[in-house]
C-alpha atoms as a PDB file:
ATOM      1  CA  MET A   1     118.108 110.480 101.046  1.00  0.00           C
ATOM      2  CA  ASP A   2     119.713 109.750  97.708  1.00  0.00           C
ATOM      3  CA  ASP A   3     117.881 108.558  94.522  1.00  0.00           C
ATOM      4  CA  ALA A   4     118.705 104.848  95.061  1.00  0.00           C
ATOM      5  CA  ALA A   5     117.334 104.886  98.626  1.00  0.00           C
ATOM      6  CA  ALA A   6     114.204 106.745  97.467  1.00  0.00           C
ATOM      7  CA  GLU A   7     113.555 104.046  94.796  1.00  0.00           C
ATOM      8  CA  LEU A   8     113.868 101.280  97.397  1.00  0.00           C
ATOM      9  CA  ALA A   9     111.452 103.068  99.781  1.00  0.00           C
ATOM     10  CA  GLU A  10     108.660 103.227  97.152  1.00  0.00           C
ATOM     11  CA  GLU A  11     106.130 100.455  96.954  1.00  0.00           C
ATOM     12  CA  PRO A  12     105.986  98.412  93.788  1.00  0.00           C
ATOM     13  CA  PRO A  13     102.941  98.978  91.551  1.00  0.00           C
ATOM     14  CA  ALA A  14      99.910  96.773  92.190  1.00  0.00           C
ATOM     15  CA  ARG A  15      99.497  93.695  90.032  1.00  0.00           C
ATOM     16  CA  HIS A  16      96.225  92.801  88.346  1.00  0.00           C
ATOM     17  CA  TYR A  17      95.431  89.306  87.020  1.00  0.00           C
ATOM     18  CA  ARG A  18      92.706  88.237  84.603  1.00  0.00           C
ATOM     19  CA  THR A  19      93.331  84.513  84.919  1.00  0.00           C
ATOM     20  CA  ILE A  20      93.849  82.096  87.782  1.00  0.00           C
ATOM     21  CA  TRP A  21      95.021  78.507  87.701  1.00  0.00           C
ATOM     22  CA  ILE A  22      92.996  76.006  89.682  1.00  0.00           C
ATOM     23  CA  SER A  23      94.356  72.537  90.300  1.00  0.00           C
ATOM     24  CA  ASP A  24      92.043  69.722  89.088  1.00  0.00           C
ATOM     25  CA  ILE A  25      93.442  67.620  91.929  1.00  0.00           C
ATOM     26  CA  HIS A  26      92.147  70.129  94.495  1.00  0.00           C
ATOM     27  CA  LEU A  27      88.706  70.173  92.818  1.00  0.00           C
ATOM     28  CA  GLY A  28      88.429  66.467  93.599  1.00  0.00           C
ATOM     29  CA  THR A  29      89.010  66.784  97.373  1.00  0.00           C
ATOM     30  CA  LYS A  30      86.315  66.721 100.022  1.00  0.00           C
ATOM     31  CA  ASP A  31      87.148  70.334 101.109  1.00  0.00           C
ATOM     32  CA  CYS A  32      86.670  71.653  97.586  1.00  0.00           C
ATOM     33  CA  LYS A  33      84.363  74.730  97.353  1.00  0.00           C
ATOM     34  CA  ALA A  34      83.703  74.496  93.646  1.00  0.00           C
ATOM     35  CA  GLU A  35      80.226  75.995  94.044  1.00  0.00           C
ATOM     36  CA  TYR A  36      81.921  79.281  94.947  1.00  0.00           C
ATOM     37  CA  LEU A  37      83.449  79.333  91.477  1.00  0.00           C
ATOM     38  CA  LEU A  38      80.148  79.136  89.649  1.00  0.00           C
END
């Protein structure tokens, strides 16, 4: 296997996030689970 094929076979590094975006429209729906966020 050549170098280019080896690079494609490797998995990308994991991503870590510190912030999520929550839609205020979703928070107003009947299926909202806002209590899980507190």
